Amino acid sequence: GRIEGILQRAIEAIEWCSSDPICITDMMGAVNSYSHSV
């Protein structure tokens, strides 16, 4: 009754970032972090 809503809200919260579209297109990530779109 709690974890379901928390999981869904956690996914919805990162669907859009205040730095999009720069963030989702991987233009902000540090090169040495070996990451995408964060």
PDB file of all heavy atoms in Angstrom:
ATOM      1  N   GLY A   1       0.797  -1.210   0.000  1.00  0.00           N
ATOM      2  CA  GLY A   1       0.000   0.000   0.000  1.00  0.00           C
ATOM      3  C   GLY A   1       0.834   1.266   0.000  1.00  0.00           C
ATOM      4  O   GLY A   1       0.310   2.355  -0.255  1.00  0.00           O
ATOM      5  N   ARG A   2       2.128   1.120   0.305  1.00  0.00           N
ATOM      6  CA  ARG A   2       3.013   2.283   0.295  1.00  0.00           C
ATOM      7  C   ARG A   2       4.089   2.177  -0.778  1.00  0.00           C
ATOM      8  O   ARG A   2       4.331   3.122  -1.520  1.00  0.00           O
ATOM      9  CB  ARG A   2       3.698   2.446   1.659  1.00  0.00           C
ATOM     10  CG  ARG A   2       2.767   2.839   2.783  1.00  0.00           C
ATOM     11  CD  ARG A   2       3.559   3.066   4.066  1.00  0.00           C
ATOM     12  NE  ARG A   2       2.695   3.458   5.172  1.00  0.00           N
ATOM     13  CZ  ARG A   2       3.126   3.708   6.408  1.00  0.00           C
ATOM     14  NH1 ARG A   2       4.418   3.600   6.677  1.00  0.00           N
ATOM     15  NH2 ARG A   2       2.275   4.057   7.364  1.00  0.00           N
ATOM     16  N   ILE A   3       4.738   1.026  -0.853  1.00  0.00           N
ATOM     17  CA  ILE A   3       5.888   0.895  -1.746  1.00  0.00           C
ATOM     18  C   ILE A   3       5.481   1.048  -3.208  1.00  0.00           C
ATOM     19  O   ILE A   3       6.261   1.546  -4.025  1.00  0.00           O
ATOM     20  CB  ILE A   3       6.602  -0.462  -1.499  1.00  0.00           C
ATOM     21  CG1 ILE A   3       7.912  -0.536  -2.287  1.00  0.00           C
ATOM     22  CG2 ILE A   3       5.685  -1.624  -1.841  1.00  0.00           C
ATOM     23  CD1 ILE A   3       8.916   0.526  -1.925  1.00  0.00           C
ATOM     24  N   GLU A   4       4.242   0.648  -3.550  1.00  0.00           N
ATOM     25  CA  GLU A   4       3.814   0.770  -4.946  1.00  0.00           C
ATOM     26  C   GLU A   4       3.798   2.239  -5.376  1.00  0.00           C
ATOM     27  O   GLU A   4       4.321   2.600  -6.441  1.00  0.00           O
ATOM     28  CB  GLU A   4       2.412   0.172  -5.133  1.00  0.00           C
ATOM     29  CG  GLU A   4       2.282  -1.260  -4.664  1.00  0.00           C
ATOM     30  CD  GLU A   4       1.878  -1.360  -3.207  1.00  0.00           C
ATOM     31  OE1 GLU A   4       1.946  -0.315  -2.499  1.00  0.00           O
ATOM     32  OE2 GLU A   4       1.497  -2.448  -2.768  1.00  0.00           O
ATOM     33  N   GLY A   5       3.218   3.091  -4.541  1.00  0.00           N
ATOM     34  CA  GLY A   5       3.147   4.509  -4.878  1.00  0.00           C
ATOM     35  C   GLY A   5       4.517   5.164  -4.876  1.00  0.00           C
ATOM     36  O   GLY A   5       4.811   6.030  -5.718  1.00  0.00           O
ATOM     37  N   ILE A   6       5.366   4.744  -3.926  1.00  0.00           N
ATOM     38  CA  ILE A   6       6.712   5.325  -3.860  1.00  0.00           C
ATOM     39  C   ILE A   6       7.498   4.996  -5.118  1.00  0.00           C
ATOM     40  O   ILE A   6       8.171   5.864  -5.697  1.00  0.00           O
ATOM     41  CB  ILE A   6       7.444   4.815  -2.603  1.00  0.00           C
ATOM     42  CG1 ILE A   6       6.790   5.383  -1.343  1.00  0.00           C
ATOM     43  CG2 ILE A   6       8.930   5.162  -2.652  1.00  0.00           C
ATOM     44  CD1 ILE A   6       7.344   4.822  -0.057  1.00  0.00           C
ATOM     45  N   LEU A   7       7.416   3.736  -5.571  1.00  0.00           N
ATOM     46  CA  LEU A   7       8.137   3.338  -6.779  1.00  0.00           C
ATOM     47  C   LEU A   7       7.639   4.110  -7.996  1.00  0.00           C
ATOM     48  O   LEU A   7       8.445   4.623  -8.789  1.00  0.00           O
ATOM     49  CB  LEU A   7       7.983   1.829  -6.999  1.00  0.00           C
ATOM     50  CG  LEU A   7       8.627   1.266  -8.265  1.00  0.00           C
ATOM     51  CD1 LEU A   7      10.129   1.491  -8.251  1.00  0.00           C
ATOM     52  CD2 LEU A   7       8.301  -0.215  -8.430  1.00  0.00           C
ATOM     53  N   GLN A   8       6.329   4.208  -8.147  1.00  0.00           N
ATOM     54  CA  GLN A   8       5.775   4.917  -9.302  1.00  0.00           C
ATOM     55  C   GLN A   8       6.134   6.403  -9.272  1.00  0.00           C
ATOM     56  O   GLN A   8       6.501   6.980 -10.307  1.00  0.00           O
ATOM     57  CB  GLN A   8       4.259   4.727  -9.345  1.00  0.00           C
ATOM     58  CG  GLN A   8       3.840   3.295  -9.657  1.00  0.00           C
ATOM     59  CD  GLN A   8       2.331   3.106  -9.620  1.00  0.00           C
ATOM     60  OE1 GLN A   8       1.597   4.036  -9.333  1.00  0.00           O
ATOM     61  NE2 GLN A   8       1.879   1.898  -9.912  1.00  0.00           N
ATOM     62  N   ARG A   9       6.059   7.018  -8.101  1.00  0.00           N
ATOM     63  CA  ARG A   9       6.404   8.432  -8.010  1.00  0.00           C
ATOM     64  C   ARG A   9       7.895   8.667  -8.242  1.00  0.00           C
ATOM     65  O   ARG A   9       8.298   9.707  -8.787  1.00  0.00           O
ATOM     66  CB  ARG A   9       5.982   8.995  -6.653  1.00  0.00           C
ATOM     67  CG  ARG A   9       4.469   9.145  -6.510  1.00  0.00           C
ATOM     68  CD  ARG A   9       4.105   9.905  -5.250  1.00  0.00           C
ATOM     69  NE  ARG A   9       4.385   9.157  -4.027  1.00  0.00           N
ATOM     70  CZ  ARG A   9       3.556   8.287  -3.454  1.00  0.00           C
ATOM     71  NH1 ARG A   9       2.384   8.019  -4.023  1.00  0.00           N
ATOM     72  NH2 ARG A   9       3.882   7.668  -2.337  1.00  0.00           N
ATOM     73  N   ALA A  10       8.726   7.705  -7.828  1.00  0.00           N
ATOM     74  CA  ALA A  10      10.171   7.833  -8.062  1.00  0.00           C
ATOM     75  C   ALA A  10      10.483   7.805  -9.548  1.00  0.00           C
ATOM     76  O   ALA A  10      11.328   8.582 -10.027  1.00  0.00           O
ATOM     77  CB  ALA A  10      10.915   6.711  -7.339  1.00  0.00           C
ATOM     78  N   ILE A  11       9.802   6.931 -10.293  1.00  0.00           N
ATOM     79  CA  ILE A  11      10.026   6.847 -11.745  1.00  0.00           C
ATOM     80  C   ILE A  11       9.488   8.097 -12.431  1.00  0.00           C
ATOM     81  O   ILE A  11      10.140   8.684 -13.310  1.00  0.00           O
ATOM     82  CB  ILE A  11       9.369   5.584 -12.321  1.00  0.00           C
ATOM     83  CG1 ILE A  11       9.933   4.327 -11.634  1.00  0.00           C
ATOM     84  CG2 ILE A  11       9.578   5.507 -13.824  1.00  0.00           C
ATOM     85  CD1 ILE A  11      11.412   4.138 -11.811  1.00  0.00           C
ATOM     86  N   GLU A  12       8.307   8.526 -12.034  1.00  0.00           N
ATOM     87  CA  GLU A  12       7.718   9.718 -12.651  1.00  0.00           C
ATOM     88  C   GLU A  12       8.565  10.962 -12.379  1.00  0.00           C
ATOM     89  O   GLU A  12       8.672  11.850 -13.233  1.00  0.00           O
ATOM     90  CB  GLU A  12       6.304   9.934 -12.111  1.00  0.00           C
ATOM     91  CG  GLU A  12       5.309   8.870 -12.566  1.00  0.00           C
ATOM     92  CD  GLU A  12       3.979   8.975 -11.846  1.00  0.00           C
ATOM     93  OE1 GLU A  12       3.867   9.856 -10.956  1.00  0.00           O
ATOM     94  OE2 GLU A  12       3.067   8.189 -12.148  1.00  0.00           O
ATOM     95  N   ALA A  13       9.201  11.029 -11.208  1.00  0.00           N
ATOM     96  CA  ALA A  13       9.965  12.220 -10.837  1.00  0.00           C
ATOM     97  C   ALA A  13      11.191  12.417 -11.713  1.00  0.00           C
ATOM     98  O   ALA A  13      11.645  13.555 -11.897  1.00  0.00           O
ATOM     99  CB  ALA A  13      10.383  12.142  -9.371  1.00  0.00           C
ATOM    100  N   ILE A  14      11.744  11.306 -12.253  1.00  0.00           N
ATOM    101  CA  ILE A  14      12.947  11.455 -13.076  1.00  0.00           C
ATOM    102  C   ILE A  14      12.633  11.347 -14.564  1.00  0.00           C
ATOM    103  O   ILE A  14      13.553  11.379 -15.390  1.00  0.00           O
ATOM    104  CB  ILE A  14      14.016  10.410 -12.703  1.00  0.00           C
ATOM    105  CG1 ILE A  14      13.531   8.982 -12.990  1.00  0.00           C
ATOM    106  CG2 ILE A  14      14.440  10.559 -11.251  1.00  0.00           C
ATOM    107  CD1 ILE A  14      14.623   7.950 -12.901  1.00  0.00           C
ATOM    108  N   GLU A  15      11.328  11.212 -14.921  1.00  0.00           N
ATOM    109  CA  GLU A  15      11.005  11.165 -16.348  1.00  0.00           C
ATOM    110  C   GLU A  15      11.399  12.477 -17.012  1.00  0.00           C
ATOM    111  O   GLU A  15      11.894  12.500 -18.143  1.00  0.00           O
ATOM    112  CB  GLU A  15       9.511  10.910 -16.535  1.00  0.00           C
ATOM    113  CG  GLU A  15       9.113  10.830 -18.005  1.00  0.00           C
ATOM    114  CD  GLU A  15       7.619  10.638 -18.195  1.00  0.00           C
ATOM    115  OE1 GLU A  15       6.861  10.770 -17.199  1.00  0.00           O
ATOM    116  OE2 GLU A  15       7.202  10.360 -19.337  1.00  0.00           O
ATOM    117  N   TRP A  16      11.158  13.565 -16.312  1.00  0.00           N
ATOM    118  CA  TRP A  16      11.547  14.880 -16.816  1.00  0.00           C
ATOM    119  C   TRP A  16      12.502  15.522 -15.824  1.00  0.00           C
ATOM    120  O   TRP A  16      12.304  15.463 -14.615  1.00  0.00           O
ATOM    121  CB  TRP A  16      10.324  15.772 -17.025  1.00  0.00           C
ATOM    122  CG  TRP A  16       9.406  15.263 -18.080  1.00  0.00           C
ATOM    123  CD1 TRP A  16       8.216  14.633 -17.889  1.00  0.00           C
ATOM    124  CD2 TRP A  16       9.616  15.307 -19.488  1.00  0.00           C
ATOM    125  NE1 TRP A  16       7.652  14.282 -19.092  1.00  0.00           N
ATOM    126  CE2 TRP A  16       8.495  14.694 -20.103  1.00  0.00           C
ATOM    127  CE3 TRP A  16      10.631  15.815 -20.304  1.00  0.00           C
ATOM    128  CZ2 TRP A  16       8.363  14.565 -21.479  1.00  0.00           C
ATOM    129  CZ3 TRP A  16      10.498  15.684 -21.678  1.00  0.00           C
ATOM    130  CH2 TRP A  16       9.379  15.073 -22.248  1.00  0.00           C
ATOM    131  N   CYS A  17      13.536  16.123 -16.354  1.00  0.00           N
ATOM    132  CA  CYS A  17      14.542  16.803 -15.545  1.00  0.00           C
ATOM    133  C   CYS A  17      14.486  18.287 -15.869  1.00  0.00           C
ATOM    134  O   CYS A  17      14.228  18.669 -17.019  1.00  0.00           O
ATOM    135  CB  CYS A  17      15.931  16.231 -15.850  1.00  0.00           C
ATOM    136  SG  CYS A  17      17.303  17.139 -15.104  1.00  0.00           S
ATOM    137  N   SER A  18      14.745  19.146 -14.889  1.00  0.00           N
ATOM    138  CA  SER A  18      14.719  20.578 -15.134  1.00  0.00           C
ATOM    139  C   SER A  18      15.806  21.020 -16.109  1.00  0.00           C
ATOM    140  O   SER A  18      15.754  22.130 -16.636  1.00  0.00           O
ATOM    141  CB  SER A  18      14.878  21.338 -13.812  1.00  0.00           C
ATOM    142  OG  SER A  18      16.097  20.994 -13.180  1.00  0.00           O
ATOM    143  N   SER A  19      16.767  20.139 -16.348  1.00  0.00           N
ATOM    144  CA  SER A  19      17.832  20.457 -17.312  1.00  0.00           C
ATOM    145  C   SER A  19      17.572  19.850 -18.687  1.00  0.00           C
ATOM    146  O   SER A  19      18.445  19.945 -19.558  1.00  0.00           O
ATOM    147  CB  SER A  19      19.177  19.961 -16.780  1.00  0.00           C
ATOM    148  OG  SER A  19      19.522  20.585 -15.569  1.00  0.00           O
ATOM    149  N   ASP A  20      16.424  19.204 -18.875  1.00  0.00           N
ATOM    150  CA  ASP A  20      16.094  18.673 -20.204  1.00  0.00           C
ATOM    151  C   ASP A  20      15.832  19.827 -21.167  1.00  0.00           C
ATOM    152  O   ASP A  20      15.362  20.904 -20.750  1.00  0.00           O
ATOM    153  CB  ASP A  20      14.852  17.778 -20.115  1.00  0.00           C
ATOM    154  CG  ASP A  20      15.182  16.383 -19.615  1.00  0.00           C
ATOM    155  OD1 ASP A  20      16.363  15.996 -19.695  1.00  0.00           O
ATOM    156  OD2 ASP A  20      14.270  15.692 -19.134  1.00  0.00           O
ATOM    157  N   PRO A  21      16.103  19.661 -22.463  1.00  0.00           N
ATOM    158  CA  PRO A  21      16.548  18.431 -23.133  1.00  0.00           C
ATOM    159  C   PRO A  21      18.053  18.204 -23.093  1.00  0.00           C
ATOM    160  O   PRO A  21      18.548  17.214 -23.633  1.00  0.00           O
ATOM    161  CB  PRO A  21      16.099  18.667 -24.577  1.00  0.00           C
ATOM    162  CG  PRO A  21      16.219  20.143 -24.754  1.00  0.00           C
ATOM    163  CD  PRO A  21      15.842  20.747 -23.436  1.00  0.00           C
ATOM    164  N   ILE A  22      18.795  19.100 -22.433  1.00  0.00           N
ATOM    165  CA  ILE A  22      20.248  18.938 -22.402  1.00  0.00           C
ATOM    166  C   ILE A  22      20.636  17.679 -21.639  1.00  0.00           C
ATOM    167  O   ILE A  22      21.539  16.940 -22.043  1.00  0.00           O
ATOM    168  CB  ILE A  22      20.896  20.182 -21.757  1.00  0.00           C
ATOM    169  CG1 ILE A  22      20.577  21.422 -22.584  1.00  0.00           C
ATOM    170  CG2 ILE A  22      22.397  20.007 -21.644  1.00  0.00           C
ATOM    171  CD1 ILE A  22      21.096  22.703 -21.959  1.00  0.00           C
ATOM    172  N   CYS A  23      19.950  17.403 -20.530  1.00  0.00           N
ATOM    173  CA  CYS A  23      20.314  16.247 -19.705  1.00  0.00           C
ATOM    174  C   CYS A  23      20.007  14.935 -20.414  1.00  0.00           C
ATOM    175  O   CYS A  23      20.863  14.056 -20.499  1.00  0.00           O
ATOM    176  CB  CYS A  23      19.584  16.319 -18.363  1.00  0.00           C
ATOM    177  SG  CYS A  23      19.883  14.909 -17.277  1.00  0.00           S
ATOM    178  N   ILE A  24      18.800  14.763 -20.943  1.00  0.00           N
ATOM    179  CA  ILE A  24      18.414  13.490 -21.542  1.00  0.00           C
ATOM    180  C   ILE A  24      19.234  13.183 -22.789  1.00  0.00           C
ATOM    181  O   ILE A  24      19.420  12.022 -23.161  1.00  0.00           O
ATOM    182  CB  ILE A  24      16.901  13.481 -21.873  1.00  0.00           C
ATOM    183  CG1 ILE A  24      16.419  12.052 -22.148  1.00  0.00           C
ATOM    184  CG2 ILE A  24      16.597  14.409 -23.025  1.00  0.00           C
ATOM    185  CD1 ILE A  24      16.530  11.121 -20.978  1.00  0.00           C
ATOM    186  N   THR A  25      19.757  14.211 -23.450  1.00  0.00           N
ATOM    187  CA  THR A  25      20.599  13.989 -24.629  1.00  0.00           C
ATOM    188  C   THR A  25      22.062  13.833 -24.259  1.00  0.00           C
ATOM    189  O   THR A  25      22.937  13.846 -25.137  1.00  0.00           O
ATOM    190  CB  THR A  25      20.441  15.155 -25.622  1.00  0.00           C
ATOM    191  OG1 THR A  25      20.686  16.395 -24.950  1.00  0.00           O
ATOM    192  CG2 THR A  25      19.045  15.163 -26.222  1.00  0.00           C
ATOM    193  N   ASP A  26      22.337  13.699 -22.974  1.00  0.00           N
ATOM    194  CA  ASP A  26      23.679  13.387 -22.478  1.00  0.00           C
ATOM    195  C   ASP A  26      24.689  14.490 -22.784  1.00  0.00           C
ATOM    196  O   ASP A  26      25.832  14.223 -23.162  1.00  0.00           O
ATOM    197  CB  ASP A  26      24.167  12.058 -23.060  1.00  0.00           C
ATOM    198  CG  ASP A  26      25.316  11.456 -22.245  1.00  0.00           C
ATOM    199  OD1 ASP A  26      25.403  11.774 -21.050  1.00  0.00           O
ATOM    200  OD2 ASP A  26      26.123  10.691 -22.807  1.00  0.00           O
ATOM    201  N   MET A  27      24.270  15.733 -22.612  1.00  0.00           N
ATOM    202  CA  MET A  27      25.181  16.854 -22.849  1.00  0.00           C
ATOM    203  C   MET A  27      25.698  17.462 -21.549  1.00  0.00           C
ATOM    204  O   MET A  27      26.476  18.407 -21.570  1.00  0.00           O
ATOM    205  CB  MET A  27      24.480  17.941 -23.674  1.00  0.00           C
ATOM    206  CG  MET A  27      24.066  17.500 -25.058  1.00  0.00           C
ATOM    207  SD  MET A  27      23.160  18.768 -25.974  1.00  0.00           S
ATOM    208  CE  MET A  27      24.404  20.055 -26.130  1.00  0.00           C
ATOM    209  N   MET A  28      25.275  16.884 -20.394  1.00  0.00           N
ATOM    210  CA  MET A  28      25.688  17.440 -19.108  1.00  0.00           C
ATOM    211  C   MET A  28      26.540  16.484 -18.293  1.00  0.00           C
ATOM    212  O   MET A  28      27.171  16.889 -17.319  1.00  0.00           O
ATOM    213  CB  MET A  28      24.462  17.822 -18.271  1.00  0.00           C
ATOM    214  CG  MET A  28      23.626  18.924 -18.847  1.00  0.00           C
ATOM    215  SD  MET A  28      22.320  19.421 -17.721  1.00  0.00           S
ATOM    216  CE  MET A  28      23.246  20.080 -16.346  1.00  0.00           C
ATOM    217  N   GLY A  29      26.558  15.210 -18.655  1.00  0.00           N
ATOM    218  CA  GLY A  29      27.259  14.227 -17.855  1.00  0.00           C
ATOM    219  C   GLY A  29      28.763  14.378 -17.923  1.00  0.00           C
ATOM    220  O   GLY A  29      29.330  14.717 -18.960  1.00  0.00           O
ATOM    221  N   ALA A  30      29.441  14.151 -16.790  1.00  0.00           N
ATOM    222  CA  ALA A  30      30.902  14.174 -16.772  1.00  0.00           C
ATOM    223  C   ALA A  30      31.436  12.975 -17.546  1.00  0.00           C
ATOM    224  O   ALA A  30      30.920  11.858 -17.430  1.00  0.00           O
ATOM    225  CB  ALA A  30      31.407  14.134 -15.332  1.00  0.00           C
ATOM    226  N   VAL A  31      32.474  13.202 -18.334  1.00  0.00           N
ATOM    227  CA  VAL A  31      33.009  12.138 -19.185  1.00  0.00           C
ATOM    228  C   VAL A  31      33.515  10.968 -18.355  1.00  0.00           C
ATOM    229  O   VAL A  31      33.326   9.806 -18.708  1.00  0.00           O
ATOM    230  CB  VAL A  31      34.142  12.702 -20.074  1.00  0.00           C
ATOM    231  CG1 VAL A  31      34.789  11.592 -20.887  1.00  0.00           C
ATOM    232  CG2 VAL A  31      33.612  13.791 -20.985  1.00  0.00           C
ATOM    233  N   ASN A  32      34.154  11.259 -17.225  1.00  0.00           N
ATOM    234  CA  ASN A  32      34.745  10.190 -16.427  1.00  0.00           C
ATOM    235  C   ASN A  32      33.756   9.541 -15.475  1.00  0.00           C
ATOM    236  O   ASN A  32      34.154   8.780 -14.592  1.00  0.00           O
ATOM    237  CB  ASN A  32      35.942  10.718 -15.639  1.00  0.00           C
ATOM    238  CG  ASN A  32      35.580  11.848 -14.709  1.00  0.00           C
ATOM    239  OD1 ASN A  32      34.451  12.340 -14.727  1.00  0.00           O
ATOM    240  ND2 ASN A  32      36.529  12.273 -13.895  1.00  0.00           N
ATOM    241  N   SER A  33      32.470   9.830 -15.596  1.00  0.00           N
ATOM    242  CA  SER A  33      31.475   9.168 -14.751  1.00  0.00           C
ATOM    243  C   SER A  33      30.906   7.929 -15.414  1.00  0.00           C
ATOM    244  O   SER A  33      30.184   7.162 -14.780  1.00  0.00           O
ATOM    245  CB  SER A  33      30.322  10.126 -14.406  1.00  0.00           C
ATOM    246  OG  SER A  33      29.526  10.380 -15.543  1.00  0.00           O
ATOM    247  N   TYR A  34      31.202   7.737 -16.713  1.00  0.00           N
ATOM    248  CA  TYR A  34      30.735   6.559 -17.456  1.00  0.00           C
ATOM    249  C   TYR A  34      29.217   6.434 -17.347  1.00  0.00           C
ATOM    250  O   TYR A  34      28.676   5.349 -17.114  1.00  0.00           O
ATOM    251  CB  TYR A  34      31.412   5.280 -16.947  1.00  0.00           C
ATOM    252  CG  TYR A  34      32.852   5.476 -16.557  1.00  0.00           C
ATOM    253  CD1 TYR A  34      33.261   5.362 -15.229  1.00  0.00           C
ATOM    254  CD2 TYR A  34      33.812   5.802 -17.513  1.00  0.00           C
ATOM    255  CE1 TYR A  34      34.577   5.564 -14.863  1.00  0.00           C
ATOM    256  CE2 TYR A  34      35.145   6.008 -17.152  1.00  0.00           C
ATOM    257  CZ  TYR A  34      35.512   5.886 -15.828  1.00  0.00           C
ATOM    258  OH  TYR A  34      36.817   6.095 -15.469  1.00  0.00           O
ATOM    259  N   SER A  35      28.525   7.557 -17.498  1.00  0.00           N
ATOM    260  CA  SER A  35      27.075   7.593 -17.335  1.00  0.00           C
ATOM    261  C   SER A  35      26.423   8.218 -18.559  1.00  0.00           C
ATOM    262  O   SER A  35      27.085   8.804 -19.425  1.00  0.00           O
ATOM    263  CB  SER A  35      26.687   8.391 -16.086  1.00  0.00           C
ATOM    264  OG  SER A  35      27.204   7.799 -14.918  1.00  0.00           O
ATOM    265  N   HIS A  36      25.108   8.077 -18.630  1.00  0.00           N
ATOM    266  CA  HIS A  36      24.282   8.716 -19.649  1.00  0.00           C
ATOM    267  C   HIS A  36      23.164   9.471 -18.947  1.00  0.00           C
ATOM    268  O   HIS A  36      22.594   8.990 -17.961  1.00  0.00           O
ATOM    269  CB  HIS A  36      23.634   7.675 -20.579  1.00  0.00           C
ATOM    270  CG  HIS A  36      24.536   7.179 -21.662  1.00  0.00           C
ATOM    271  ND1 HIS A  36      25.193   7.994 -22.554  1.00  0.00           N
ATOM    272  CD2 HIS A  36      24.867   5.914 -22.026  1.00  0.00           C
ATOM    273  CE1 HIS A  36      25.893   7.270 -23.410  1.00  0.00           C
ATOM    274  NE2 HIS A  36      25.720   6.002 -23.094  1.00  0.00           N
ATOM    275  N   SER A  37      22.813  10.619 -19.436  1.00  0.00           N
ATOM    276  CA  SER A  37      21.560  11.307 -19.102  1.00  0.00           C
ATOM    277  C   SER A  37      21.305  11.419 -17.601  1.00  0.00           C
ATOM    278  O   SER A  37      20.243  11.043 -17.108  1.00  0.00           O
ATOM    279  CB  SER A  37      20.380  10.573 -19.763  1.00  0.00           C
ATOM    280  OG  SER A  37      20.589  10.467 -21.154  1.00  0.00           O
ATOM    281  N   VAL A  38      22.281  11.939 -16.870  1.00  0.00           N
ATOM    282  CA  VAL A  38      22.083  12.189 -15.440  1.00  0.00           C
ATOM    283  C   VAL A  38      22.723  13.514 -15.076  1.00  0.00           C
ATOM    284  O   VAL A  38      23.690  13.953 -15.701  1.00  0.00           O
ATOM    285  CB  VAL A  38      22.683  11.076 -14.552  1.00  0.00           C
ATOM    286  CG1 VAL A  38      21.923   9.791 -14.694  1.00  0.00           C
ATOM    287  CG2 VAL A  38      24.165  10.875 -14.856  1.00  0.00           C
TER     288      VAL A  38
END
